[in-house]
Full PDB file with SEQRES, HELIX, SHEET, SSBOND, CRYST1, ORIGX, SCALE, CONECT and MASTER records, all heavy atoms in Angstrom:
SEQRES   1 A   32  SER GLU TYR VAL GLY ARG SER ARG TYR ARG MET VAL PRO          
SEQRES   2 A   32  GLN LYS ARG VAL ILE GLY VAL SER PRO PRO GLU THR PRO          
SEQRES   3 A   32  ALA PRO THR VAL SER GLN                                      
CRYST1    1.000    1.000    1.000  90.00  90.00  90.00 P 1           1          
ORIGX1      1.000000  0.000000  0.000000        0.00000                         
ORIGX2      0.000000  1.000000  0.000000        0.00000                         
ORIGX3      0.000000  0.000000  1.000000        0.00000                         
SCALE1      1.000000  0.000000  0.000000        0.00000                         
SCALE2      0.000000  1.000000  0.000000        0.00000                         
SCALE3      0.000000  0.000000  1.000000        0.00000                         
ATOM      1  N   SER A   1      28.970 102.676 103.790  1.00  0.00           N  
ATOM      2  CA  SER A   1      29.535 103.493 102.692  1.00  0.00           C  
ATOM      3  C   SER A   1      30.935 103.159 102.456  1.00  0.00           C  
ATOM      4  O   SER A   1      31.741 103.112 103.463  1.00  0.00           O  
ATOM      5  CB  SER A   1      29.368 105.053 103.138  1.00  0.00           C  
ATOM      6  OG  SER A   1      29.958 105.839 102.162  1.00  0.00           O  
ATOM      7  N   GLU A   2      31.319 102.959 101.203  1.00  0.00           N  
ATOM      8  CA  GLU A   2      32.694 102.526 100.900  1.00  0.00           C  
ATOM      9  C   GLU A   2      33.173 103.191  99.614  1.00  0.00           C  
ATOM     10  O   GLU A   2      32.393 103.557  98.748  1.00  0.00           O  
ATOM     11  CB  GLU A   2      32.775 101.001 100.766  1.00  0.00           C  
ATOM     12  CG  GLU A   2      31.908 100.404  99.718  1.00  0.00           C  
ATOM     13  CD  GLU A   2      32.005  98.880  99.652  1.00  0.00           C  
ATOM     14  OE1 GLU A   2      31.543  98.259 100.697  1.00  0.00           O  
ATOM     15  OE2 GLU A   2      32.507  98.338  98.646  1.00  0.00           O  
ATOM     16  N   TYR A   3      34.478 103.260  99.619  1.00  0.00           N  
ATOM     17  CA  TYR A   3      35.206 103.831  98.463  1.00  0.00           C  
ATOM     18  C   TYR A   3      35.468 102.744  97.449  1.00  0.00           C  
ATOM     19  O   TYR A   3      36.090 101.722  97.731  1.00  0.00           O  
ATOM     20  CB  TYR A   3      36.512 104.477  98.947  1.00  0.00           C  
ATOM     21  CG  TYR A   3      37.394 104.975  97.800  1.00  0.00           C  
ATOM     22  CD1 TYR A   3      37.003 106.099  97.047  1.00  0.00           C  
ATOM     23  CD2 TYR A   3      38.619 104.431  97.544  1.00  0.00           C  
ATOM     24  CE1 TYR A   3      37.829 106.591  96.040  1.00  0.00           C  
ATOM     25  CE2 TYR A   3      39.490 104.910  96.601  1.00  0.00           C  
ATOM     26  CZ  TYR A   3      39.080 106.002  95.810  1.00  0.00           C  
ATOM     27  OH  TYR A   3      39.884 106.504  94.841  1.00  0.00           O  
ATOM     28  N   VAL A   4      34.887 102.900  96.187  1.00  0.00           N  
ATOM     29  CA  VAL A   4      35.044 101.905  95.178  1.00  0.00           C  
ATOM     30  C   VAL A   4      36.379 101.976  94.452  1.00  0.00           C  
ATOM     31  O   VAL A   4      37.048 101.010  94.173  1.00  0.00           O  
ATOM     32  CB  VAL A   4      33.877 101.996  94.168  1.00  0.00           C  
ATOM     33  CG1 VAL A   4      34.059 100.978  92.995  1.00  0.00           C  
ATOM     34  CG2 VAL A   4      32.522 101.770  94.860  1.00  0.00           C  
ATOM     35  N   GLY A   5      36.771 103.237  94.073  1.00  0.00           N  
ATOM     36  CA  GLY A   5      38.048 103.439  93.426  1.00  0.00           C  
ATOM     37  C   GLY A   5      38.080 104.654  92.564  1.00  0.00           C  
ATOM     38  O   GLY A   5      37.127 105.429  92.542  1.00  0.00           O  
ATOM     39  N   ARG A   6      39.269 104.928  92.047  1.00  0.00           N  
ATOM     40  CA  ARG A   6      39.498 106.128  91.253  1.00  0.00           C  
ATOM     41  C   ARG A   6      39.626 105.811  89.789  1.00  0.00           C  
ATOM     42  O   ARG A   6      40.343 104.802  89.445  1.00  0.00           O  
ATOM     43  CB  ARG A   6      40.714 106.870  91.749  1.00  0.00           C  
ATOM     44  CG  ARG A   6      41.184 108.039  90.856  1.00  0.00           C  
ATOM     45  CD  ARG A   6      42.173 108.984  91.599  1.00  0.00           C  
ATOM     46  NE  ARG A   6      41.424 109.726  92.639  1.00  0.00           N  
ATOM     47  CZ  ARG A   6      42.054 110.685  93.322  1.00  0.00           C  
ATOM     48  NH1 ARG A   6      43.306 111.054  93.100  1.00  0.00           N  
ATOM     49  NH2 ARG A   6      41.368 111.344  94.274  1.00  0.00           N  
ATOM     50  N   SER A   7      38.998 106.517  88.949  1.00  0.00           N  
ATOM     51  CA  SER A   7      39.069 106.384  87.486  1.00  0.00           C  
ATOM     52  C   SER A   7      39.782 107.568  86.936  1.00  0.00           C  
ATOM     53  O   SER A   7      39.448 108.736  87.170  1.00  0.00           O  
ATOM     54  CB  SER A   7      37.644 106.224  86.918  1.00  0.00           C  
ATOM     55  OG  SER A   7      36.995 105.154  87.482  1.00  0.00           O  
ATOM     56  N   ARG A   8      40.779 107.294  86.025  1.00  0.00           N  
ATOM     57  CA  ARG A   8      41.473 108.343  85.348  1.00  0.00           C  
ATOM     58  C   ARG A   8      41.264 108.218  83.838  1.00  0.00           C  
ATOM     59  O   ARG A   8      41.568 107.160  83.283  1.00  0.00           O  
ATOM     60  CB  ARG A   8      42.950 108.274  85.671  1.00  0.00           C  
ATOM     61  CG  ARG A   8      43.311 108.430  87.142  1.00  0.00           C  
ATOM     62  CD  ARG A   8      44.802 108.303  87.403  1.00  0.00           C  
ATOM     63  NE  ARG A   8      45.125 108.362  88.800  1.00  0.00           N  
ATOM     64  CZ  ARG A   8      45.363 109.480  89.495  1.00  0.00           C  
ATOM     65  NH1 ARG A   8      45.330 110.637  88.884  1.00  0.00           N  
ATOM     66  NH2 ARG A   8      45.648 109.416  90.725  1.00  0.00           N  
ATOM     67  N   TYR A   9      40.705 109.236  83.225  1.00  0.00           N  
ATOM     68  CA  TYR A   9      40.376 109.298  81.827  1.00  0.00           C  
ATOM     69  C   TYR A   9      41.289 110.330  81.200  1.00  0.00           C  
ATOM     70  O   TYR A   9      41.332 111.488  81.586  1.00  0.00           O  
ATOM     71  CB  TYR A   9      38.932 109.605  81.530  1.00  0.00           C  
ATOM     72  CG  TYR A   9      37.996 108.617  82.266  1.00  0.00           C  
ATOM     73  CD1 TYR A   9      37.413 109.014  83.429  1.00  0.00           C  
ATOM     74  CD2 TYR A   9      37.660 107.437  81.668  1.00  0.00           C  
ATOM     75  CE1 TYR A   9      36.532 108.158  84.095  1.00  0.00           C  
ATOM     76  CE2 TYR A   9      36.739 106.552  82.315  1.00  0.00           C  
ATOM     77  CZ  TYR A   9      36.179 106.915  83.560  1.00  0.00           C  
ATOM     78  OH  TYR A   9      35.297 106.103  84.160  1.00  0.00           O  
ATOM     79  N   ARG A  10      42.067 109.826  80.188  1.00  0.00           N  
ATOM     80  CA  ARG A  10      43.075 110.759  79.674  1.00  0.00           C  
ATOM     81  C   ARG A  10      42.364 111.797  78.644  1.00  0.00           C  
ATOM     82  O   ARG A  10      41.363 111.441  78.033  1.00  0.00           O  
ATOM     83  CB  ARG A  10      44.204 110.026  78.940  1.00  0.00           C  
ATOM     84  CG  ARG A  10      43.769 109.264  77.706  1.00  0.00           C  
ATOM     85  CD  ARG A  10      45.009 108.443  77.137  1.00  0.00           C  
ATOM     86  NE  ARG A  10      44.667 107.690  75.953  1.00  0.00           N  
ATOM     87  CZ  ARG A  10      44.791 108.101  74.769  1.00  0.00           C  
ATOM     88  NH1 ARG A  10      45.155 109.350  74.533  1.00  0.00           N  
ATOM     89  NH2 ARG A  10      44.431 107.370  73.733  1.00  0.00           N  
ATOM     90  N   MET A  11      42.998 112.903  78.491  1.00  0.00           N  
ATOM     91  CA  MET A  11      42.642 113.902  77.615  1.00  0.00           C  
ATOM     92  C   MET A  11      43.137 113.591  76.224  1.00  0.00           C  
ATOM     93  O   MET A  11      44.267 113.165  76.088  1.00  0.00           O  
ATOM     94  CB  MET A  11      43.051 115.303  78.059  1.00  0.00           C  
ATOM     95  CG  MET A  11      42.664 116.483  77.186  1.00  0.00           C  
ATOM     96  SD  MET A  11      43.849 116.765  75.790  1.00  0.00           S  
ATOM     97  CE  MET A  11      45.318 117.224  76.673  1.00  0.00           C  
ATOM     98  N   VAL A  12      42.304 113.815  75.188  1.00  0.00           N  
ATOM     99  CA  VAL A  12      42.749 113.629  73.786  1.00  0.00           C  
ATOM    100  C   VAL A  12      42.575 114.942  73.077  1.00  0.00           C  
ATOM    101  O   VAL A  12      41.510 115.565  73.094  1.00  0.00           O  
ATOM    102  CB  VAL A  12      41.881 112.588  73.076  1.00  0.00           C  
ATOM    103  CG1 VAL A  12      42.312 112.375  71.650  1.00  0.00           C  
ATOM    104  CG2 VAL A  12      42.016 111.215  73.847  1.00  0.00           C  
ATOM    105  N   PRO A  13      43.698 115.492  72.581  1.00  0.00           N  
ATOM    106  CA  PRO A  13      43.591 116.813  71.930  1.00  0.00           C  
ATOM    107  C   PRO A  13      42.689 116.800  70.701  1.00  0.00           C  
ATOM    108  O   PRO A  13      42.619 115.821  69.987  1.00  0.00           O  
ATOM    109  CB  PRO A  13      45.040 117.153  71.563  1.00  0.00           C  
ATOM    110  CG  PRO A  13      45.867 116.180  72.301  1.00  0.00           C  
ATOM    111  CD  PRO A  13      45.058 114.935  72.532  1.00  0.00           C  
ATOM    112  N   GLN A  14      42.082 117.938  70.441  1.00  0.00           N  
ATOM    113  CA  GLN A  14      41.342 118.122  69.244  1.00  0.00           C  
ATOM    114  C   GLN A  14      42.353 118.412  68.118  1.00  0.00           C  
ATOM    115  O   GLN A  14      43.264 119.209  68.329  1.00  0.00           O  
ATOM    116  CB  GLN A  14      40.331 119.271  69.361  1.00  0.00           C  
ATOM    117  CG  GLN A  14      39.506 119.521  68.044  1.00  0.00           C  
ATOM    118  CD  GLN A  14      38.707 120.750  68.122  1.00  0.00           C  
ATOM    119  OE1 GLN A  14      39.233 121.934  68.196  1.00  0.00           O  
ATOM    120  NE2 GLN A  14      37.378 120.608  68.171  1.00  0.00           N  
ATOM    121  N   LYS A  15      42.182 117.783  66.995  1.00  0.00           N  
ATOM    122  CA  LYS A  15      43.181 118.023  65.884  1.00  0.00           C  
ATOM    123  C   LYS A  15      42.467 118.707  64.717  1.00  0.00           C  
ATOM    124  O   LYS A  15      41.335 118.293  64.312  1.00  0.00           O  
ATOM    125  CB  LYS A  15      43.785 116.718  65.451  1.00  0.00           C  
ATOM    126  CG  LYS A  15      44.642 116.135  66.557  1.00  0.00           C  
ATOM    127  CD  LYS A  15      45.324 114.825  65.978  1.00  0.00           C  
ATOM    128  CE  LYS A  15      46.224 114.185  67.113  1.00  0.00           C  
ATOM    129  NZ  LYS A  15      46.909 113.011  66.654  1.00  0.00           N  
ATOM    130  N   ARG A  16      43.068 119.734  64.150  1.00  0.00           N  
ATOM    131  CA  ARG A  16      42.558 120.355  62.976  1.00  0.00           C  
ATOM    132  C   ARG A  16      43.680 120.855  62.068  1.00  0.00           C  
ATOM    133  O   ARG A  16      44.804 120.921  62.490  1.00  0.00           O  
ATOM    134  CB  ARG A  16      41.715 121.594  63.454  1.00  0.00           C  
ATOM    135  CG  ARG A  16      42.595 122.714  64.122  1.00  0.00           C  
ATOM    136  CD  ARG A  16      41.729 123.908  64.559  1.00  0.00           C  
ATOM    137  NE  ARG A  16      42.554 125.012  65.079  1.00  0.00           N  
ATOM    138  CZ  ARG A  16      42.046 126.172  65.465  1.00  0.00           C  
ATOM    139  NH1 ARG A  16      40.767 126.404  65.370  1.00  0.00           N  
ATOM    140  NH2 ARG A  16      42.838 127.135  65.883  1.00  0.00           N  
ATOM    141  N   VAL A  17      43.283 121.167  60.859  1.00  0.00           N  
ATOM    142  CA  VAL A  17      44.263 121.610  59.857  1.00  0.00           C  
ATOM    143  C   VAL A  17      43.774 123.014  59.392  1.00  0.00           C  
ATOM    144  O   VAL A  17      42.527 123.237  59.291  1.00  0.00           O  
ATOM    145  CB  VAL A  17      44.442 120.652  58.693  1.00  0.00           C  
ATOM    146  CG1 VAL A  17      45.107 119.411  59.166  1.00  0.00           C  
ATOM    147  CG2 VAL A  17      43.087 120.290  58.062  1.00  0.00           C  
ATOM    148  N   ILE A  18      44.703 123.853  59.056  1.00  0.00           N  
ATOM    149  CA  ILE A  18      44.422 125.140  58.579  1.00  0.00           C  
ATOM    150  C   ILE A  18      44.983 125.333  57.181  1.00  0.00           C  
ATOM    151  O   ILE A  18      46.189 125.020  56.891  1.00  0.00           O  
ATOM    152  CB  ILE A  18      45.030 126.288  59.441  1.00  0.00           C  
ATOM    153  CG1 ILE A  18      44.492 126.056  60.897  1.00  0.00           C  
ATOM    154  CG2 ILE A  18      44.705 127.660  58.969  1.00  0.00           C  
ATOM    155  CD1 ILE A  18      45.022 127.013  61.964  1.00  0.00           C  
ATOM    156  N   GLY A  19      44.214 125.788  56.230  1.00  0.00           N  
ATOM    157  CA  GLY A  19      44.639 125.968  54.867  1.00  0.00           C  
ATOM    158  C   GLY A  19      45.604 127.056  54.703  1.00  0.00           C  
ATOM    159  O   GLY A  19      45.454 128.100  55.274  1.00  0.00           O  
ATOM    160  N   VAL A  20      46.654 126.876  53.855  1.00  0.00           N  
ATOM    161  CA  VAL A  20      47.662 127.859  53.635  1.00  0.00           C  
ATOM    162  C   VAL A  20      47.856 128.141  52.092  1.00  0.00           C  
ATOM    163  O   VAL A  20      48.734 128.899  51.734  1.00  0.00           O  
ATOM    164  CB  VAL A  20      49.037 127.479  54.298  1.00  0.00           C  
ATOM    165  CG1 VAL A  20      48.875 127.552  55.805  1.00  0.00           C  
ATOM    166  CG2 VAL A  20      49.504 126.151  53.811  1.00  0.00           C  
ATOM    167  N   SER A  21      46.986 127.518  51.296  1.00  0.00           N  
ATOM    168  CA  SER A  21      47.182 127.674  49.851  1.00  0.00           C  
ATOM    169  C   SER A  21      46.638 129.060  49.484  1.00  0.00           C  
ATOM    170  O   SER A  21      45.544 129.429  49.775  1.00  0.00           O  
ATOM    171  CB  SER A  21      46.379 126.633  49.153  1.00  0.00           C  
ATOM    172  OG  SER A  21      46.435 126.887  47.707  1.00  0.00           O  
ATOM    173  N   PRO A  22      47.561 129.899  48.828  1.00  0.00           N  
ATOM    174  CA  PRO A  22      47.100 131.287  48.492  1.00  0.00           C  
ATOM    175  C   PRO A  22      46.056 131.253  47.400  1.00  0.00           C  
ATOM    176  O   PRO A  22      45.991 130.297  46.583  1.00  0.00           O  
ATOM    177  CB  PRO A  22      48.416 131.950  47.973  1.00  0.00           C  
ATOM    178  CG  PRO A  22      49.205 130.794  47.494  1.00  0.00           C  
ATOM    179  CD  PRO A  22      48.875 129.630  48.404  1.00  0.00           C  
ATOM    180  N   PRO A  23      45.125 132.225  47.398  1.00  0.00           N  
ATOM    181  CA  PRO A  23      44.106 132.174  46.375  1.00  0.00           C  
ATOM    182  C   PRO A  23      44.693 132.382  44.969  1.00  0.00           C  
ATOM    183  O   PRO A  23      45.740 133.025  44.816  1.00  0.00           O  
ATOM    184  CB  PRO A  23      43.186 133.450  46.760  1.00  0.00           C  
ATOM    185  CG  PRO A  23      44.152 134.286  47.547  1.00  0.00           C  
ATOM    186  CD  PRO A  23      45.069 133.355  48.261  1.00  0.00           C  
ATOM    187  N   GLU A  24      44.015 131.825  43.989  1.00  0.00           N  
ATOM    188  CA  GLU A  24      44.533 131.937  42.657  1.00  0.00           C  
ATOM    189  C   GLU A  24      44.346 133.370  42.091  1.00  0.00           C  
ATOM    190  O   GLU A  24      43.358 134.013  42.384  1.00  0.00           O  
ATOM    191  CB  GLU A  24      43.759 130.990  41.746  1.00  0.00           C  
ATOM    192  CG  GLU A  24      43.967 129.514  42.067  1.00  0.00           C  
ATOM    193  CD  GLU A  24      43.202 128.581  41.090  1.00  0.00           C  
ATOM    194  OE1 GLU A  24      42.530 129.140  40.192  1.00  0.00           O  
ATOM    195  OE2 GLU A  24      43.341 127.372  41.253  1.00  0.00           O  
ATOM    196  N   THR A  25      45.407 133.874  41.409  1.00  0.00           N  
ATOM    197  CA  THR A  25      45.342 135.229  40.848  1.00  0.00           C  
ATOM    198  C   THR A  25      44.622 135.171  39.535  1.00  0.00           C  
ATOM    199  O   THR A  25      45.026 134.459  38.651  1.00  0.00           O  
ATOM    200  CB  THR A  25      46.769 135.772  40.655  1.00  0.00           C  
ATOM    201  OG1 THR A  25      47.496 135.721  41.859  1.00  0.00           O  
ATOM    202  CG2 THR A  25      46.727 137.202  40.099  1.00  0.00           C  
ATOM    203  N   PRO A  26      43.595 135.955  39.370  1.00  0.00           N  
ATOM    204  CA  PRO A  26      42.801 135.935  38.124  1.00  0.00           C  
ATOM    205  C   PRO A  26      43.645 136.467  36.964  1.00  0.00           C  
ATOM    206  O   PRO A  26      44.468 137.327  37.155  1.00  0.00           O  
ATOM    207  CB  PRO A  26      41.605 136.803  38.422  1.00  0.00           C  
ATOM    208  CG  PRO A  26      42.009 137.676  39.509  1.00  0.00           C  
ATOM    209  CD  PRO A  26      42.978 136.910  40.386  1.00  0.00           C  
ATOM    210  N   ALA A  27      43.468 135.947  35.765  1.00  0.00           N  
ATOM    211  CA  ALA A  27      44.209 136.404  34.588  1.00  0.00           C  
ATOM    212  C   ALA A  27      43.746 137.825  34.204  1.00  0.00           C  
ATOM    213  O   ALA A  27      42.588 138.149  34.426  1.00  0.00           O  
ATOM    214  CB  ALA A  27      43.919 135.418  33.422  1.00  0.00           C  
ATOM    215  N   PRO A  28      44.705 138.702  33.732  1.00  0.00           N  
ATOM    216  CA  PRO A  28      44.410 140.035  33.438  1.00  0.00           C  
ATOM    217  C   PRO A  28      43.399 140.085  32.224  1.00  0.00           C  
ATOM    218  O   PRO A  28      43.514 139.291  31.318  1.00  0.00           O  
ATOM    219  CB  PRO A  28      45.683 140.683  33.109  1.00  0.00           C  
ATOM    220  CG  PRO A  28      46.615 139.498  32.697  1.00  0.00           C  
ATOM    221  CD  PRO A  28      46.190 138.346  33.507  1.00  0.00           C  
ATOM    222  N   THR A  29      42.447 141.069  32.339  1.00  0.00           N  
ATOM    223  CA  THR A  29      41.508 141.208  31.295  1.00  0.00           C  
ATOM    224  C   THR A  29      42.043 142.072  30.165  1.00  0.00           C  
ATOM    225  O   THR A  29      42.529 143.196  30.372  1.00  0.00           O  
ATOM    226  CB  THR A  29      40.196 141.857  31.844  1.00  0.00           C  
ATOM    227  OG1 THR A  29      39.750 141.015  32.885  1.00  0.00           O  
ATOM    228  CG2 THR A  29      39.153 141.943  30.748  1.00  0.00           C  
ATOM    229  N   VAL A  30      42.061 141.584  28.978  1.00  0.00           N  
ATOM    230  CA  VAL A  30      42.587 142.350  27.726  1.00  0.00           C  
ATOM    231  C   VAL A  30      41.404 142.989  27.019  1.00  0.00           C  
ATOM    232  O   VAL A  30      40.480 142.299  26.626  1.00  0.00           O  
ATOM    233  CB  VAL A  30      43.360 141.364  26.826  1.00  0.00           C  
ATOM    234  CG1 VAL A  30      43.873 142.116  25.646  1.00  0.00           C  
ATOM    235  CG2 VAL A  30      44.505 140.688  27.547  1.00  0.00           C  
ATOM    236  N   SER A  31      41.527 144.304  26.901  1.00  0.00           N  
ATOM    237  CA  SER A  31      40.465 145.040  26.209  1.00  0.00           C  
ATOM    238  C   SER A  31      40.777 145.097  24.729  1.00  0.00           C  
ATOM    239  O   SER A  31      41.841 145.572  24.334  1.00  0.00           O  
ATOM    240  CB  SER A  31      40.394 146.483  26.773  1.00  0.00           C  
ATOM    241  OG  SER A  31      39.404 147.196  26.060  1.00  0.00           O  
ATOM    242  N   GLN A  32      39.944 144.574  23.894  1.00  0.00           N  
ATOM    243  CA  GLN A  32      40.126 144.569  22.467  1.00  0.00           C  
ATOM    244  C   GLN A  32      39.259 145.570  21.766  1.00  0.00           C  
ATOM    245  O   GLN A  32      38.020 145.524  21.987  1.00  0.00           O  
ATOM    246  CB  GLN A  32      39.906 143.160  21.958  1.00  0.00           C  
ATOM    247  CG  GLN A  32      40.895 142.085  22.495  1.00  0.00           C  
ATOM    248  CD  GLN A  32      40.592 140.696  21.916  1.00  0.00           C  
ATOM    249  OE1 GLN A  32      39.613 140.541  21.254  1.00  0.00           O  
ATOM    250  NE2 GLN A  32      41.535 139.814  22.124  1.00  0.00           N  
TER     251      GLN A  32                                                      
MASTER        0    0    0    0    0    0    0    6  250    1    0    3          
END                                                                             
């Protein structure tokens, strides 16, 4: 029985983006 070695695998962060664009304001309805 023998020790082969140690393996180190680095962590890679998960990347994401979050939307910040405000919703569009609907144009007022004009009653004619």
